[in-house]
Amino acid sequence: MDKIKMTTPIVEMDGDEMTRVVWKMIKDELILPYVDLKTEYYDLGLEYRNQTDDQVTIDSANATKKYGVAVKCATITPNAARVEEYKLKQMWKSPNGTIRAILDGTVFRAPIIIKGITPFIPSWTKPITIARHAYGDIYKNTELRAPKGSKAEIVVTDENGNETRALIHDFKASGGIVQGVHNTDASISGFARSCFTYALDTKQDLWFASKDTISKVYDHRFKDIFAEIYQNEFKEKFEAAGIEYFYTLIDDVVARVIRSNGGMIWACKNYDGDVMSDMVATAYGSLGLMTSVLVSPDGIYEYEAAHGTVQRHYYKWLKGEKTSTNPIATIFAWTGALRKRGELDNIPGLCKYADALEKATISTVESGIMTNDMAAISTNPNKKGVYTEEFFSAISENLAKCMGMAE
């Protein structure tokens, strides 16, 4: 069997720690035997980000705008401890935040449903997709310490130099902290259109929630833009498709989601989506079973796993110890990117390969062979927790069968 040819590269963003190890295993064992892989490679490992003053992150995002499809490995967002561990020049910002700001997209995260991995909320029989706005809020914030006796204000200066001022707080009794966040009408509009379009594409209801009763300007602006775009551009399409859009408060939608059967898209502001996507992933079984794709309003796609770099396993691996690291979300990041590349470039074989790799991965778990994190929550009577290398071997064997290459 000849390898599947690609005509346009995908942008490949390598990452950190154990996910970087798994990344190479996915390529070497599951992709390169079948695909003549074409990528434009960027090393987003923390050491190289530090070496390039984080320019490599900006370059990778701009390359994604050029080629339209990217796949990203999990990366470290450094805290003070990481600055010391890696001897960094400074506490570099989240690479995901930088990439999302440049692409100005919406992150859609959905669980991978596998028989035998039962959600902690039994009524969730269908996947819940979290649509996370990927711009602004605290990820692009400005924050300061406010010493005792100081006063903090918001000042907006219009194009004619006229100022509008509002007091945040007078710190005369005690020092404190102050934070300024922002968003733009253009980004919120792109977020709304991405959500409405994705809901139509997937034939799912769309729920959106914020806290406009408290945030009467900031959150209310989100509510109004969603409502205006829905009424003017999507209402008739939603009705024809038999799906629903509604807005409610974030605390109300949490209660609704818990009581639901799933199967909807839950649109969240940036910080809400960051938190709720992890909650939903964990409730379905594991962060290692959560897909994530950033979709920009102009049709650019960046696929990644929703979890982190698996630091604890990496330290074991460095000591030469075996790990049982779940690679499924990272595998699905690759399959998502390769499938999208195949769709955009009209390469059916690439799409079929992506389907086959996902099928081989799921069937491996459903046969009982899985990593320890899944074995701990699986109801499969034949379950067997295995090391990372054994899990890859089982997937590779199943993939060969799916691709018609088994001896």
Protein backbone atom coordinates (compact mmCIF):
# COMPACT_ATOMS: atom_id res chain seq x y z
CA MET A 1 0.00 0.00 0.00
CA ASP A 2 1.40 3.38 -1.03
CA LYS A 3 1.45 6.10 1.56
CA ILE A 4 -1.33 8.69 1.37
CA LYS A 5 -0.02 11.84 -0.28
CA MET A 6 -0.63 15.34 1.06
CA THR A 7 -0.62 18.43 -1.14
CA THR A 8 -0.63 21.16 1.54
CA PRO A 9 1.15 20.96 4.88
CA ILE A 10 -0.50 21.29 8.24
CA VAL A 11 1.18 23.42 10.90
CA GLU A 12 2.70 21.19 13.57
CA MET A 13 3.22 22.73 17.01
CA ASP A 14 5.30 20.49 19.25
CA GLY A 15 4.99 20.78 23.02
CA ASP A 16 6.28 19.84 26.43
CA GLU A 17 6.96 16.98 28.84
CA MET A 18 5.13 13.65 28.53
CA THR A 19 2.81 14.85 25.79
CA ARG A 20 5.90 15.65 23.71
CA VAL A 21 7.05 12.04 24.16
CA VAL A 22 3.62 10.73 23.20
CA TRP A 23 3.52 13.16 20.24
CA LYS A 24 6.55 11.50 18.67
CA MET A 25 5.12 8.02 19.29
CA ILE A 26 1.89 8.96 17.51
CA LYS A 27 3.78 10.18 14.48
CA ASP A 28 6.28 7.33 14.34
CA GLU A 29 3.93 4.42 15.05
CA LEU A 30 0.49 5.51 13.86
CA ILE A 31 0.87 8.17 11.16
CA LEU A 32 4.13 7.86 9.23
CA PRO A 33 3.59 4.20 8.21
CA TYR A 34 0.46 5.31 6.32
CA VAL A 35 0.77 9.00 5.46
CA ASP A 36 3.44 10.88 3.53
CA LEU A 37 3.16 13.55 6.20
CA LYS A 38 3.76 17.18 5.25
CA THR A 39 4.00 19.63 8.14
CA GLU A 40 5.50 23.03 8.82
CA TYR A 41 7.11 22.39 12.19
CA TYR A 42 7.30 24.78 15.15
CA ASP A 43 8.85 23.82 18.47
CA LEU A 44 6.63 25.29 21.19
CA GLY A 45 8.53 23.50 23.93
CA LEU A 46 9.22 25.88 26.80
CA GLU A 47 12.99 25.91 26.27
CA TYR A 48 12.67 27.06 22.66
CA ARG A 49 9.94 29.57 23.46
CA ASN A 50 12.35 31.04 26.00
CA GLN A 51 15.23 30.98 23.50
CA THR A 52 13.18 32.88 20.90
CA ASP A 53 11.53 35.28 23.38
CA ASP A 54 8.25 33.54 22.49
CA GLN A 55 8.48 34.63 18.85
CA VAL A 56 8.07 30.99 17.79
CA THR A 57 4.53 31.01 19.22
CA ILE A 58 3.62 34.07 17.16
CA ASP A 59 5.22 32.53 14.07
CA SER A 60 3.23 29.30 14.51
CA ALA A 61 -0.04 31.22 14.74
CA ASN A 62 0.74 33.23 11.62
CA ALA A 63 1.64 30.02 9.78
CA THR A 64 -1.74 28.60 10.82
CA LYS A 65 -3.40 31.62 9.21
CA LYS A 66 -1.42 30.88 6.05
CA TYR A 67 -2.12 27.14 5.77
CA GLY A 68 -5.54 26.97 7.45
CA VAL A 69 -5.00 23.85 9.58
CA ALA A 70 -2.78 23.21 12.60
CA VAL A 71 -2.28 20.53 15.23
CA LYS A 72 -0.85 21.46 18.62
CA CYS A 73 0.74 19.45 21.42
CA ALA A 74 0.10 20.41 25.04
CA THR A 75 2.43 23.11 26.34
CA ILE A 76 3.53 24.52 29.69
CA THR A 77 2.21 27.88 30.80
CA PRO A 78 4.94 28.80 33.30
CA ASN A 79 4.34 29.88 36.86
CA ALA A 80 7.02 31.04 39.30
CA ALA A 81 8.17 27.48 39.97
CA ARG A 82 8.57 26.80 36.24
CA VAL A 83 10.56 30.00 35.79
CA GLU A 84 13.06 28.66 38.30
CA GLU A 85 12.98 25.07 36.98
CA TYR A 86 13.63 26.09 33.37
CA LYS A 87 15.74 29.20 34.14
CA LEU A 88 13.42 31.35 32.05
CA LYS A 89 14.04 34.96 31.07
CA GLN A 90 10.52 35.80 32.22
CA MET A 91 7.15 34.22 32.99
CA TRP A 92 6.01 33.74 29.39
CA LYS A 93 2.30 33.99 28.63
CA SER A 94 0.11 31.03 27.75
CA PRO A 95 0.92 29.94 24.17
CA ASN A 96 -2.73 28.98 23.76
CA GLY A 97 -3.76 32.49 24.76
CA THR A 98 -1.32 34.02 22.27
CA ILE A 99 -2.45 31.75 19.43
CA ARG A 100 -6.14 32.30 20.19
CA ALA A 101 -5.70 36.06 20.27
CA ILE A 102 -4.03 36.02 16.83
CA LEU A 103 -6.56 33.64 15.27
CA ASP A 104 -9.53 35.17 17.16
CA GLY A 105 -11.51 31.95 17.11
CA THR A 106 -13.85 29.84 19.17
CA VAL A 107 -12.69 26.67 20.93
CA PHE A 108 -15.10 23.73 20.63
CA ARG A 109 -14.44 20.92 23.10
CA ALA A 110 -16.36 17.66 23.15
CA PRO A 111 -15.85 14.33 24.94
CA ILE A 112 -14.93 11.13 23.12
CA ILE A 113 -17.65 8.59 23.89
CA ILE A 114 -16.37 5.04 24.49
CA LYS A 115 -18.43 2.06 25.63
CA GLY A 116 -17.47 1.09 29.14
CA ILE A 117 -16.35 4.60 30.14
CA THR A 118 -19.50 5.71 31.95
CA PRO A 119 -20.00 9.42 32.77
CA PHE A 120 -20.16 10.34 36.44
CA ILE A 121 -23.53 11.93 35.63
CA PRO A 122 -25.51 8.91 34.36
CA SER A 123 -28.07 11.00 32.46
CA TRP A 124 -25.35 12.28 30.10
CA THR A 125 -25.89 9.84 27.25
CA LYS A 126 -24.83 12.28 24.51
CA PRO A 127 -21.73 14.48 24.33
CA ILE A 128 -21.83 18.07 25.54
CA THR A 129 -19.76 20.41 23.40
CA ILE A 130 -18.27 23.43 25.15
CA ALA A 131 -17.83 26.43 22.82
CA ARG A 132 -15.26 28.68 24.46
CA HIS A 133 -14.68 32.22 23.27
CA ALA A 134 -10.96 32.40 22.66
CA TYR A 135 -10.25 36.10 23.02
CA GLY A 136 -10.05 38.67 25.78
CA ASP A 137 -11.23 38.58 29.39
CA ILE A 138 -8.49 37.77 31.93
CA TYR A 139 -6.32 36.14 29.24
CA LYS A 140 -5.59 39.62 27.81
CA ASN A 141 -5.91 41.48 31.10
CA THR A 142 -3.96 44.30 32.68
CA GLU A 143 -3.57 44.08 36.44
CA LEU A 144 -1.79 46.04 39.15
CA ARG A 145 -1.23 46.09 42.89
CA ALA A 146 -2.97 49.06 44.50
CA PRO A 147 -1.17 50.40 47.58
CA LYS A 148 -3.09 51.75 50.55
CA GLY A 149 -4.22 55.30 49.91
CA SER A 150 -4.42 54.91 46.13
CA LYS A 151 -7.47 55.21 43.91
CA ALA A 152 -8.23 53.10 40.83
CA GLU A 153 -10.30 54.35 37.90
CA ILE A 154 -11.27 53.21 34.42
CA VAL A 155 -10.55 55.88 31.82
CA VAL A 156 -11.82 55.65 28.23
CA THR A 157 -10.50 58.32 25.85
CA ASP A 158 -12.42 58.70 22.58
CA GLU A 159 -10.86 59.60 19.22
CA ASN A 160 -11.34 63.32 19.93
CA GLY A 161 -9.50 63.13 23.24
CA ASN A 162 -12.60 63.29 25.43
CA GLU A 163 -12.32 61.23 28.62
CA THR A 164 -14.95 59.16 30.40
CA ARG A 165 -13.89 58.15 33.91
CA ALA A 166 -15.41 55.74 36.42
CA LEU A 167 -14.16 54.92 39.90
CA ILE A 168 -13.28 51.27 40.48
CA HIS A 169 -12.33 51.56 44.14
CA ASP A 170 -10.79 53.95 46.63
CA PHE A 171 -8.11 52.00 48.50
CA LYS A 172 -7.85 54.50 51.36
CA ALA A 173 -8.47 51.89 54.08
CA SER A 174 -6.40 49.03 52.67
CA GLY A 175 -4.19 48.18 49.75
CA GLY A 176 -5.44 45.66 47.21
CA ILE A 177 -5.45 44.60 43.60
CA VAL A 178 -7.09 45.87 40.43
CA GLN A 179 -7.68 44.22 37.08
CA GLY A 180 -8.80 45.54 33.71
CA VAL A 181 -10.30 43.23 31.08
CA HIS A 182 -11.65 43.95 27.64
CA ASN A 183 -13.32 42.47 24.60
CA THR A 184 -14.32 43.78 21.19
CA ASP A 185 -17.60 43.82 19.32
CA ALA A 186 -15.85 42.25 16.34
CA SER A 187 -14.51 39.32 18.39
CA ILE A 188 -17.83 38.74 20.16
CA SER A 189 -19.61 38.80 16.78
CA GLY A 190 -17.15 36.28 15.36
CA PHE A 191 -17.68 34.09 18.42
CA ALA A 192 -21.45 34.22 17.97
CA ARG A 193 -21.33 33.42 14.25
CA SER A 194 -18.92 30.53 14.84
CA CYS A 195 -21.28 29.08 17.46
CA PHE A 196 -24.41 29.46 15.34
CA THR A 197 -22.69 27.98 12.29
CA TYR A 198 -21.25 25.05 14.24
CA ALA A 199 -24.68 24.34 15.74
CA LEU A 200 -26.21 24.22 12.26
CA ASP A 201 -23.40 22.00 10.96
CA THR A 202 -23.81 19.52 13.82
CA LYS A 203 -27.63 19.89 14.19
CA GLN A 204 -27.36 20.62 17.91
CA ASP A 205 -29.16 23.11 20.14
CA LEU A 206 -27.04 26.09 21.23
CA TRP A 207 -27.13 27.45 24.77
CA PHE A 208 -25.34 30.66 25.73
CA ALA A 209 -24.96 32.04 29.23
CA SER A 210 -23.26 34.90 31.03
CA LYS A 211 -24.07 37.03 34.09
CA ASP A 212 -25.68 40.13 32.58
CA THR A 213 -27.73 40.80 35.73
CA ILE A 214 -24.48 41.65 37.53
CA SER A 215 -22.29 42.75 34.63
CA LYS A 216 -24.76 45.16 33.06
CA VAL A 217 -22.38 46.51 30.41
CA TYR A 218 -19.68 43.87 29.77
CA ASP A 219 -21.71 40.65 29.88
CA HIS A 220 -24.83 42.38 28.59
CA ARG A 221 -22.93 43.30 25.44
CA PHE A 222 -22.32 39.60 24.77
CA LYS A 223 -26.02 38.87 25.27
CA ASP A 224 -27.13 41.68 22.93
CA ILE A 225 -24.71 40.77 20.12
CA PHE A 226 -25.73 37.10 20.23
CA ALA A 227 -29.41 38.06 20.15
CA GLU A 228 -28.98 40.50 17.26
CA ILE A 229 -27.00 38.08 15.09
CA TYR A 230 -29.39 35.25 15.83
CA GLN A 231 -32.47 37.29 14.91
CA ASN A 232 -30.96 38.78 11.75
CA GLU A 233 -28.93 35.88 10.37
CA PHE A 234 -29.78 32.52 11.93
CA LYS A 235 -33.31 32.38 13.34
CA GLU A 236 -34.94 31.05 10.18
CA LYS A 237 -32.09 28.59 9.59
CA PHE A 238 -32.39 27.24 13.15
CA GLU A 239 -36.14 26.83 12.83
CA ALA A 240 -35.76 25.03 9.50
CA ALA A 241 -33.16 22.70 11.05
CA GLY A 242 -35.37 22.02 14.08
CA ILE A 243 -32.81 23.23 16.58
CA GLU A 244 -33.03 25.86 19.31
CA TYR A 245 -30.99 28.80 20.58
CA PHE A 246 -31.62 30.31 23.97
CA TYR A 247 -29.88 32.54 26.45
CA THR A 248 -29.92 32.22 30.22
CA LEU A 249 -27.74 33.10 33.21
CA ILE A 250 -24.61 31.03 33.80
CA ASP A 251 -25.81 29.64 37.14
CA ASP A 252 -29.12 28.61 35.58
CA VAL A 253 -27.45 26.88 32.64
CA VAL A 254 -25.21 24.90 35.02
CA ALA A 255 -28.33 23.52 36.70
CA ARG A 256 -29.92 22.77 33.31
CA VAL A 257 -26.80 20.98 32.05
CA ILE A 258 -26.57 18.75 35.12
CA ARG A 259 -30.19 17.64 34.64
CA SER A 260 -29.89 17.16 30.87
CA ASN A 261 -29.08 14.19 28.65
CA GLY A 262 -26.36 16.18 26.89
CA GLY A 263 -26.25 16.59 23.15
CA MET A 264 -26.06 20.40 23.07
CA ILE A 265 -23.45 23.08 22.46
CA TRP A 266 -22.84 25.23 25.53
CA ALA A 267 -21.31 28.57 24.54
CA CYS A 268 -19.19 30.22 27.24
CA LYS A 269 -17.11 33.33 27.64
CA ASN A 270 -13.37 32.71 27.76
CA TYR A 271 -12.85 32.08 31.47
CA ASP A 272 -16.17 30.25 31.90
CA GLY A 273 -15.25 27.95 29.02
CA ASP A 274 -11.80 27.28 30.46
CA VAL A 275 -13.34 26.06 33.72
CA MET A 276 -16.46 24.34 32.41
CA SER A 277 -14.66 22.39 29.69
CA ASP A 278 -12.50 20.71 32.34
CA MET A 279 -15.56 20.04 34.50
CA VAL A 280 -17.45 18.47 31.59
CA ALA A 281 -14.42 16.44 30.50
CA THR A 282 -13.88 15.07 34.00
CA ALA A 283 -17.57 14.28 34.43
CA TYR A 284 -17.51 12.27 31.20
CA GLY A 285 -14.58 10.28 32.53
CA SER A 286 -11.23 11.85 31.77
CA LEU A 287 -9.50 14.95 30.42
CA GLY A 288 -7.62 12.47 28.27
CA LEU A 289 -10.88 11.86 26.39
CA MET A 290 -11.65 15.46 25.44
CA THR A 291 -11.23 16.83 21.91
CA SER A 292 -10.53 20.49 21.25
CA VAL A 293 -10.56 22.55 18.06
CA LEU A 294 -10.13 26.29 17.63
CA VAL A 295 -12.25 27.57 14.73
CA SER A 296 -11.76 31.14 13.53
CA PRO A 297 -14.55 33.15 11.85
CA ASP A 298 -12.69 32.93 8.53
CA GLY A 299 -12.41 29.14 8.59
CA ILE A 300 -9.03 28.39 10.18
CA TYR A 301 -8.72 25.26 12.35
CA GLU A 302 -6.27 24.44 15.14
CA TYR A 303 -6.66 21.03 16.83
CA GLU A 304 -5.24 20.07 20.23
CA ALA A 305 -5.90 17.94 23.28
CA ALA A 306 -7.76 19.61 26.12
CA HIS A 307 -5.40 18.36 28.84
CA GLY A 308 -1.98 19.45 30.03
CA THR A 309 1.54 18.09 29.64
CA VAL A 310 1.23 15.18 32.15
CA GLN A 311 4.14 16.44 34.25
CA ARG A 312 4.10 13.61 36.82
CA HIS A 313 4.45 10.93 34.14
CA TYR A 314 7.26 12.87 32.49
CA TYR A 315 9.34 12.89 35.64
CA LYS A 316 8.87 9.11 35.90
CA TRP A 317 9.83 8.71 32.23
CA LEU A 318 13.01 10.74 32.78
CA LYS A 319 13.99 8.24 35.49
CA GLY A 320 13.51 5.38 33.05
CA GLU A 321 10.30 4.21 34.70
CA LYS A 322 7.32 3.04 32.66
CA THR A 323 4.17 5.13 32.49
CA SER A 324 0.57 4.49 31.54
CA THR A 325 -0.16 7.74 29.70
CA ASN A 326 -3.46 8.22 27.87
CA PRO A 327 -2.71 9.49 24.32
CA ILE A 328 -6.28 9.43 22.98
CA ALA A 329 -7.06 13.17 23.00
CA THR A 330 -3.72 13.87 21.30
CA ILE A 331 -4.39 11.14 18.72
CA PHE A 332 -7.76 12.75 18.01
CA ALA A 333 -6.07 16.14 17.61
CA TRP A 334 -3.98 14.63 14.82
CA THR A 335 -6.96 12.86 13.23
CA GLY A 336 -9.01 16.05 13.36
CA ALA A 337 -6.29 18.05 11.62
CA LEU A 338 -5.58 15.39 9.00
CA ARG A 339 -9.29 14.92 8.27
CA LYS A 340 -9.80 18.66 7.85
CA ARG A 341 -6.75 18.86 5.58
CA GLY A 342 -8.22 16.01 3.54
CA GLU A 343 -11.59 17.76 3.30
CA LEU A 344 -10.08 21.10 2.27
CA ASP A 345 -7.68 19.53 -0.27
CA ASN A 346 -10.15 16.89 -1.52
CA ILE A 347 -8.06 13.90 -0.43
CA PRO A 348 -10.64 11.23 0.53
CA GLY A 349 -7.92 8.76 1.50
CA LEU A 350 -6.65 11.10 4.19
CA CYS A 351 -10.14 11.43 5.64
CA LYS A 352 -10.60 7.65 5.60
CA TYR A 353 -7.26 7.19 7.33
CA ALA A 354 -8.30 9.63 10.09
CA ASP A 355 -11.56 7.72 10.52
CA ALA A 356 -9.67 4.42 10.67
CA LEU A 357 -7.24 5.66 13.34
CA GLU A 358 -10.10 6.89 15.53
CA LYS A 359 -11.95 3.61 15.07
CA ALA A 360 -8.81 1.61 15.91
CA THR A 361 -8.22 3.67 19.04
CA ILE A 362 -11.79 3.34 20.35
CA SER A 363 -12.02 -0.35 19.52
CA THR A 364 -8.78 -0.97 21.43
CA VAL A 365 -10.32 0.48 24.60
CA GLU A 366 -13.64 -1.26 24.04
CA SER A 367 -11.79 -4.58 23.70
CA GLY A 368 -10.48 -4.05 27.23
CA ILE A 369 -6.96 -2.74 26.57
CA MET A 370 -6.53 0.73 28.01
CA THR A 371 -4.28 2.98 30.10
CA ASN A 372 -4.64 2.99 33.86
CA ASP A 373 -6.63 6.24 34.06
CA MET A 374 -9.36 4.66 31.94
CA ALA A 375 -9.16 1.28 33.68
CA ALA A 376 -9.86 3.03 36.99
CA ILE A 377 -13.27 4.22 35.74
CA SER A 378 -14.15 1.58 33.14
CA THR A 379 -17.04 -0.83 33.62
CA ASN A 380 -15.65 -3.20 30.98
CA PRO A 381 -15.41 -6.65 32.60
CA ASN A 382 -12.39 -7.47 30.43
CA LYS A 383 -10.46 -4.30 31.21
CA LYS A 384 -6.70 -4.41 31.52
CA GLY A 385 -4.53 -1.43 32.39
CA VAL A 386 -1.37 -1.38 30.30
CA TYR A 387 1.74 0.73 29.89
CA THR A 388 1.92 3.43 27.23
CA GLU A 389 3.99 1.34 24.83
CA GLU A 390 1.62 -1.63 25.06
CA PHE A 391 -1.37 0.60 24.40
CA PHE A 392 0.28 2.00 21.27
CA SER A 393 1.10 -1.50 20.05
CA ALA A 394 -2.53 -2.55 20.43
CA ILE A 395 -3.77 0.52 18.57
CA SER A 396 -1.20 -0.04 15.83
CA GLU A 397 -2.35 -3.63 15.38
CA ASN A 398 -5.99 -2.56 15.15
CA LEU A 399 -5.11 0.24 12.76
CA ALA A 400 -3.37 -2.20 10.45
CA LYS A 401 -6.56 -4.26 10.37
CA CYS A 402 -8.69 -1.19 9.72
CA MET A 403 -6.39 -0.15 6.86
CA GLY A 404 -6.45 -3.64 5.36
CA MET A 405 -2.77 -4.29 5.99
CA ALA A 406 -2.87 -7.04 8.64
CA GLU A 407 -0.89 -10.11 7.66
